[in-house]
Amino acid sequence: MRDEYTNVVVNGLSKMIIVPNNIIPFSGFCFINLFGVLFVRRDMIGHIKEKDYNHEMIHTAQMKELLYIGFYIAYLFEWLYRLVFHTKTAYRGLSFEREAYDNEENLNYLNTRKRFAQWKTHQNL
């Protein structure tokens, strides 16, 4: 059964490796994208929608542009800034999350996405 969930393709775009398990992410979370690999709680396999995969593939595109580590550094600093100055929007207000949420239902978005779009279209901190 595990092999059936190892790769996913949304709208003919790049594959995303899926790792079903009971450890990552922590209980209470459905899935987490780490370095372009989607870790999914076993009990959530089959419940993840195509828009969720698209959302995570948008994050993977962001990661690649910032050479993965740069993504996590920028994400952390922006989140800390928002946590202090924009408490209510610390997560959803992140430029990375705004781009992903705004475009998760557009399954063609990654075909037309411009480089560094998280900052070009979401500049308000």
N, C-alpha and C. Protein backbone atom coordinates (compact mmCIF):
# COMPACT_ATOMS: atom_id res chain seq x y z
N MET A 1 0.83 -1.20 0.00
CA MET A 1 0.00 0.00 0.00
C MET A 1 0.87 1.26 0.00
N ARG A 2 2.02 1.21 0.64
CA ARG A 2 2.89 2.38 0.73
C ARG A 2 3.34 2.86 -0.65
N ASP A 3 3.70 1.94 -1.56
CA ASP A 3 4.19 2.31 -2.88
C ASP A 3 3.20 3.17 -3.64
N GLU A 4 1.93 2.96 -3.40
CA GLU A 4 0.91 3.71 -4.11
C GLU A 4 0.94 5.19 -3.75
N TYR A 5 1.59 5.55 -2.68
CA TYR A 5 1.63 6.94 -2.23
C TYR A 5 3.04 7.54 -2.25
N THR A 6 3.98 6.97 -2.97
CA THR A 6 5.34 7.49 -2.92
C THR A 6 5.55 8.73 -3.78
N ASN A 7 4.80 8.90 -4.85
CA ASN A 7 4.94 10.07 -5.72
C ASN A 7 3.56 10.58 -6.09
N VAL A 8 3.48 11.87 -6.30
CA VAL A 8 2.22 12.45 -6.77
C VAL A 8 2.56 13.47 -7.85
N VAL A 9 1.70 13.54 -8.85
CA VAL A 9 1.85 14.52 -9.91
C VAL A 9 0.55 15.31 -9.98
N VAL A 10 0.64 16.62 -9.89
CA VAL A 10 -0.53 17.49 -10.00
C VAL A 10 -0.43 18.23 -11.31
N ASN A 11 -1.42 18.04 -12.16
CA ASN A 11 -1.50 18.74 -13.43
C ASN A 11 -0.24 18.54 -14.27
N GLY A 12 0.33 17.36 -14.22
CA GLY A 12 1.49 17.05 -15.03
C GLY A 12 2.80 17.68 -14.58
N LEU A 13 2.79 18.34 -13.42
CA LEU A 13 4.01 18.99 -12.94
C LEU A 13 4.84 18.02 -12.10
N SER A 14 5.95 18.52 -11.63
CA SER A 14 6.94 17.71 -10.94
C SER A 14 6.35 16.81 -9.87
N LYS A 15 7.00 15.70 -9.71
CA LYS A 15 6.57 14.75 -8.70
C LYS A 15 6.91 15.25 -7.32
N MET A 16 6.09 14.90 -6.37
CA MET A 16 6.39 15.19 -4.97
C MET A 16 6.49 13.85 -4.27
N ILE A 17 7.56 13.64 -3.57
CA ILE A 17 7.75 12.39 -2.84
C ILE A 17 6.91 12.45 -1.57
N ILE A 18 6.13 11.41 -1.35
CA ILE A 18 5.26 11.31 -0.18
C ILE A 18 5.81 10.22 0.74
N VAL A 19 5.97 10.55 2.01
CA VAL A 19 6.47 9.58 2.98
C VAL A 19 5.40 9.41 4.07
N PRO A 20 4.58 8.35 3.96
CA PRO A 20 3.59 8.10 5.01
C PRO A 20 4.28 7.55 6.26
N ASN A 21 3.90 8.08 7.42
CA ASN A 21 4.50 7.60 8.66
C ASN A 21 3.67 8.09 9.84
N ASN A 22 4.04 7.67 11.03
CA ASN A 22 3.32 8.07 12.24
C ASN A 22 4.16 8.97 13.15
N ILE A 23 5.32 9.40 12.67
CA ILE A 23 6.22 10.20 13.50
C ILE A 23 6.24 11.66 13.07
N ILE A 24 6.44 11.91 11.78
CA ILE A 24 6.50 13.26 11.24
C ILE A 24 5.30 13.48 10.34
N PRO A 25 4.51 14.49 10.52
CA PRO A 25 4.62 15.52 11.54
C PRO A 25 4.06 15.04 12.88
N PHE A 26 4.21 15.89 13.89
CA PHE A 26 3.70 15.57 15.21
C PHE A 26 2.20 15.37 15.17
N SER A 27 1.69 14.63 16.12
CA SER A 27 0.26 14.40 16.24
C SER A 27 -0.49 15.73 16.25
N GLY A 28 -1.61 15.77 15.55
CA GLY A 28 -2.39 17.00 15.46
C GLY A 28 -2.17 17.72 14.14
N PHE A 29 -1.11 17.36 13.42
CA PHE A 29 -0.84 17.92 12.10
C PHE A 29 -1.03 16.83 11.06
N CYS A 30 -1.44 17.20 9.87
CA CYS A 30 -1.70 16.22 8.81
C CYS A 30 -0.45 15.88 8.01
N PHE A 31 0.30 16.92 7.62
CA PHE A 31 1.48 16.71 6.79
C PHE A 31 2.41 17.90 6.93
N ILE A 32 3.66 17.70 6.51
CA ILE A 32 4.65 18.77 6.51
C ILE A 32 5.59 18.56 5.33
N ASN A 33 5.94 19.64 4.69
CA ASN A 33 6.87 19.62 3.56
C ASN A 33 8.25 20.00 4.06
N LEU A 34 9.18 19.06 4.02
CA LEU A 34 10.56 19.32 4.45
C LEU A 34 11.48 19.06 3.26
N PHE A 35 12.09 20.12 2.77
CA PHE A 35 13.03 20.05 1.66
C PHE A 35 12.41 19.40 0.42
N GLY A 36 11.12 19.66 0.20
CA GLY A 36 10.44 19.15 -0.99
C GLY A 36 9.90 17.74 -0.85
N VAL A 37 10.00 17.16 0.32
CA VAL A 37 9.46 15.83 0.59
C VAL A 37 8.27 16.01 1.53
N LEU A 38 7.13 15.44 1.16
CA LEU A 38 5.92 15.60 1.97
C LEU A 38 5.77 14.41 2.92
N PHE A 39 5.89 14.69 4.21
CA PHE A 39 5.69 13.68 5.25
C PHE A 39 4.23 13.75 5.67
N VAL A 40 3.54 12.62 5.58
CA VAL A 40 2.09 12.58 5.82
C VAL A 40 1.79 11.55 6.91
N ARG A 41 0.95 11.94 7.85
CA ARG A 41 0.51 10.97 8.86
C ARG A 41 -0.27 9.86 8.15
N ARG A 42 0.01 8.65 8.51
CA ARG A 42 -0.62 7.50 7.83
C ARG A 42 -2.14 7.60 7.80
N ASP A 43 -2.73 8.07 8.88
CA ASP A 43 -4.19 8.13 8.93
C ASP A 43 -4.76 9.24 8.05
N MET A 44 -3.89 10.09 7.47
CA MET A 44 -4.35 11.17 6.60
C MET A 44 -4.21 10.83 5.12
N ILE A 45 -3.52 9.74 4.80
CA ILE A 45 -3.39 9.33 3.40
C ILE A 45 -4.80 9.12 2.84
N GLY A 46 -5.04 9.67 1.70
CA GLY A 46 -6.35 9.56 1.07
C GLY A 46 -7.27 10.72 1.40
N HIS A 47 -6.90 11.52 2.40
CA HIS A 47 -7.71 12.68 2.79
C HIS A 47 -7.13 13.99 2.29
N ILE A 48 -5.93 13.94 1.75
CA ILE A 48 -5.28 15.15 1.27
C ILE A 48 -5.81 15.47 -0.12
N LYS A 49 -6.21 16.71 -0.31
CA LYS A 49 -6.80 17.13 -1.58
C LYS A 49 -5.72 17.61 -2.54
N GLU A 50 -6.09 17.65 -3.82
CA GLU A 50 -5.17 18.10 -4.86
C GLU A 50 -4.67 19.52 -4.58
N LYS A 51 -5.53 20.37 -4.03
CA LYS A 51 -5.12 21.75 -3.71
C LYS A 51 -4.06 21.75 -2.61
N ASP A 52 -4.12 20.78 -1.70
CA ASP A 52 -3.10 20.68 -0.65
C ASP A 52 -1.74 20.34 -1.25
N TYR A 53 -1.74 19.39 -2.19
CA TYR A 53 -0.49 19.05 -2.87
C TYR A 53 0.03 20.26 -3.63
N ASN A 54 -0.87 20.97 -4.30
CA ASN A 54 -0.46 22.15 -5.06
C ASN A 54 0.14 23.20 -4.13
N HIS A 55 -0.49 23.42 -2.97
CA HIS A 55 0.02 24.35 -1.97
C HIS A 55 1.45 23.98 -1.59
N GLU A 56 1.66 22.71 -1.33
CA GLU A 56 2.99 22.25 -0.91
C GLU A 56 3.99 22.31 -2.05
N MET A 57 3.55 22.09 -3.29
CA MET A 57 4.46 22.21 -4.43
C MET A 57 4.85 23.67 -4.67
N ILE A 58 3.97 24.60 -4.34
CA ILE A 58 4.33 26.02 -4.40
C ILE A 58 5.45 26.29 -3.40
N HIS A 59 5.31 25.74 -2.20
CA HIS A 59 6.39 25.89 -1.21
C HIS A 59 7.69 25.26 -1.72
N THR A 60 7.60 24.12 -2.38
CA THR A 60 8.80 23.48 -2.91
C THR A 60 9.46 24.37 -3.96
N ALA A 61 8.67 25.04 -4.80
CA ALA A 61 9.23 25.98 -5.78
C ALA A 61 9.94 27.13 -5.06
N GLN A 62 9.34 27.62 -3.99
CA GLN A 62 9.96 28.68 -3.19
C GLN A 62 11.28 28.20 -2.60
N MET A 63 11.28 26.96 -2.10
CA MET A 63 12.48 26.39 -1.49
C MET A 63 13.62 26.29 -2.50
N LYS A 64 13.29 25.81 -3.69
CA LYS A 64 14.32 25.65 -4.73
C LYS A 64 14.94 26.99 -5.08
N GLU A 65 14.12 28.03 -5.21
CA GLU A 65 14.62 29.36 -5.55
C GLU A 65 15.60 29.89 -4.51
N LEU A 66 15.34 29.58 -3.26
CA LEU A 66 16.17 30.08 -2.17
C LEU A 66 17.17 29.01 -1.68
N LEU A 67 17.37 28.01 -2.52
CA LEU A 67 18.33 26.94 -2.23
C LEU A 67 18.04 26.23 -0.91
N TYR A 68 16.79 25.99 -0.65
CA TYR A 68 16.27 25.27 0.51
C TYR A 68 16.60 25.93 1.84
N ILE A 69 17.85 26.01 2.22
CA ILE A 69 18.22 26.59 3.52
C ILE A 69 17.80 28.06 3.58
N GLY A 70 17.99 28.78 2.49
CA GLY A 70 17.58 30.19 2.42
C GLY A 70 16.09 30.35 2.67
N PHE A 71 15.30 29.39 2.17
CA PHE A 71 13.85 29.41 2.40
C PHE A 71 13.56 29.34 3.90
N TYR A 72 14.19 28.40 4.58
CA TYR A 72 13.91 28.22 6.01
C TYR A 72 14.40 29.41 6.83
N ILE A 73 15.52 29.99 6.45
CA ILE A 73 16.02 31.17 7.16
C ILE A 73 15.07 32.35 6.96
N ALA A 74 14.68 32.61 5.70
CA ALA A 74 13.77 33.73 5.41
C ALA A 74 12.42 33.50 6.06
N TYR A 75 11.92 32.27 6.02
CA TYR A 75 10.63 31.91 6.62
C TYR A 75 10.67 32.19 8.12
N LEU A 76 11.73 31.73 8.77
CA LEU A 76 11.87 31.90 10.22
C LEU A 76 11.92 33.38 10.60
N PHE A 77 12.76 34.16 9.92
CA PHE A 77 12.88 35.58 10.26
C PHE A 77 11.58 36.34 10.00
N GLU A 78 10.92 36.03 8.89
CA GLU A 78 9.64 36.71 8.62
C GLU A 78 8.60 36.32 9.67
N TRP A 79 8.58 35.04 10.06
CA TRP A 79 7.62 34.58 11.07
C TRP A 79 7.90 35.25 12.41
N LEU A 80 9.16 35.35 12.80
CA LEU A 80 9.50 36.01 14.07
C LEU A 80 9.10 37.48 14.04
N TYR A 81 9.35 38.16 12.94
CA TYR A 81 8.94 39.56 12.79
C TYR A 81 7.43 39.68 12.96
N ARG A 82 6.70 38.82 12.28
CA ARG A 82 5.23 38.87 12.34
C ARG A 82 4.73 38.48 13.74
N LEU A 83 5.40 37.57 14.37
CA LEU A 83 5.00 37.15 15.71
C LEU A 83 5.07 38.32 16.69
N VAL A 84 6.05 39.19 16.50
CA VAL A 84 6.23 40.35 17.38
C VAL A 84 5.32 41.52 16.97
N PHE A 85 5.27 41.82 15.68
CA PHE A 85 4.59 43.03 15.23
C PHE A 85 3.20 42.82 14.63
N HIS A 86 2.89 41.60 14.23
CA HIS A 86 1.58 41.30 13.62
C HIS A 86 1.10 39.96 14.19
N THR A 87 0.93 39.89 15.47
CA THR A 87 0.65 38.65 16.18
C THR A 87 -0.47 37.82 15.56
N LYS A 88 -1.57 38.46 15.19
CA LYS A 88 -2.73 37.72 14.69
C LYS A 88 -2.50 37.10 13.32
N THR A 89 -1.55 37.62 12.57
CA THR A 89 -1.30 37.11 11.22
C THR A 89 0.10 36.52 11.08
N ALA A 90 0.67 36.09 12.17
CA ALA A 90 2.06 35.61 12.14
C ALA A 90 2.25 34.50 11.10
N TYR A 91 1.33 33.55 11.01
CA TYR A 91 1.48 32.45 10.05
C TYR A 91 0.84 32.79 8.71
N ARG A 92 -0.45 33.08 8.71
CA ARG A 92 -1.16 33.31 7.44
C ARG A 92 -0.68 34.56 6.71
N GLY A 93 -0.05 35.48 7.41
CA GLY A 93 0.45 36.70 6.79
C GLY A 93 1.82 36.57 6.16
N LEU A 94 2.49 35.46 6.38
CA LEU A 94 3.81 35.25 5.78
C LEU A 94 3.70 35.32 4.26
N SER A 95 4.64 35.97 3.62
CA SER A 95 4.60 36.09 2.16
C SER A 95 4.60 34.71 1.50
N PHE A 96 5.31 33.76 2.06
CA PHE A 96 5.36 32.40 1.52
C PHE A 96 3.98 31.74 1.59
N GLU A 97 3.31 31.91 2.74
CA GLU A 97 1.99 31.30 2.92
C GLU A 97 0.93 32.02 2.10
N ARG A 98 1.02 33.33 2.01
CA ARG A 98 0.03 34.06 1.22
C ARG A 98 0.07 33.63 -0.24
N GLU A 99 1.28 33.50 -0.78
CA GLU A 99 1.37 33.04 -2.17
C GLU A 99 0.77 31.65 -2.31
N ALA A 100 1.11 30.75 -1.40
CA ALA A 100 0.62 29.37 -1.49
C ALA A 100 -0.90 29.30 -1.31
N TYR A 101 -1.44 29.99 -0.30
CA TYR A 101 -2.89 29.96 -0.09
C TYR A 101 -3.64 30.65 -1.21
N ASP A 102 -3.12 31.77 -1.70
CA ASP A 102 -3.80 32.51 -2.77
C ASP A 102 -3.88 31.71 -4.06
N ASN A 103 -2.96 30.77 -4.26
CA ASN A 103 -2.88 30.06 -5.54
C ASN A 103 -3.05 28.56 -5.45
N GLU A 104 -3.38 28.03 -4.27
CA GLU A 104 -3.47 26.58 -4.12
C GLU A 104 -4.57 25.95 -4.98
N GLU A 105 -5.61 26.68 -5.28
CA GLU A 105 -6.70 26.12 -6.09
C GLU A 105 -6.45 26.25 -7.58
N ASN A 106 -5.46 27.05 -7.96
CA ASN A 106 -5.11 27.22 -9.36
C ASN A 106 -4.05 26.18 -9.71
N LEU A 107 -4.49 25.05 -10.24
CA LEU A 107 -3.58 23.94 -10.49
C LEU A 107 -2.62 24.22 -11.64
N ASN A 108 -2.82 25.31 -12.37
CA ASN A 108 -1.89 25.73 -13.42
C ASN A 108 -0.90 26.78 -12.93
N TYR A 109 -1.00 27.18 -11.70
CA TYR A 109 -0.19 28.28 -11.19
C TYR A 109 1.31 28.05 -11.38
N LEU A 110 1.78 26.87 -11.08
CA LEU A 110 3.21 26.61 -11.19
C LEU A 110 3.72 26.67 -12.63
N ASN A 111 2.82 26.54 -13.59
CA ASN A 111 3.21 26.69 -15.01
C ASN A 111 3.50 28.14 -15.36
N THR A 112 2.88 29.07 -14.64
CA THR A 112 3.00 30.49 -14.98
C THR A 112 3.68 31.31 -13.89
N ARG A 113 4.02 30.68 -12.79
CA ARG A 113 4.60 31.39 -11.64
C ARG A 113 5.93 32.02 -12.01
N LYS A 114 6.10 33.27 -11.60
CA LYS A 114 7.36 33.99 -11.79
C LYS A 114 8.27 33.70 -10.60
N ARG A 115 9.56 33.76 -10.86
CA ARG A 115 10.53 33.54 -9.78
C ARG A 115 10.35 34.57 -8.67
N PHE A 116 10.49 34.13 -7.45
CA PHE A 116 10.38 34.97 -6.25
C PHE A 116 9.03 35.68 -6.16
N ALA A 117 8.00 35.02 -6.66
CA ALA A 117 6.65 35.61 -6.66
C ALA A 117 6.14 35.88 -5.25
N GLN A 118 6.64 35.17 -4.26
CA GLN A 118 6.19 35.41 -2.88
C GLN A 118 6.49 36.84 -2.44
N TRP A 119 7.52 37.44 -3.01
CA TRP A 119 7.87 38.81 -2.63
C TRP A 119 7.37 39.83 -3.64
N LYS A 120 7.21 39.44 -4.88
CA LYS A 120 6.76 40.37 -5.90
C LYS A 120 5.28 40.70 -5.76
N THR A 121 4.49 39.72 -5.40
CA THR A 121 3.05 39.95 -5.30
C THR A 121 2.55 40.11 -3.87
N HIS A 122 3.41 39.84 -2.91
CA HIS A 122 3.01 39.89 -1.51
C HIS A 122 4.04 40.69 -0.72
N GLN A 123 4.14 41.96 -1.01
CA GLN A 123 5.19 42.77 -0.40
C GLN A 123 4.80 43.39 0.94
N ASN A 124 3.54 43.40 1.28
CA ASN A 124 3.12 44.05 2.54
C ASN A 124 3.52 43.17 3.72
N LEU A 125 4.32 43.73 4.61
CA LEU A 125 4.65 43.00 5.84
C LEU A 125 3.77 43.46 6.90
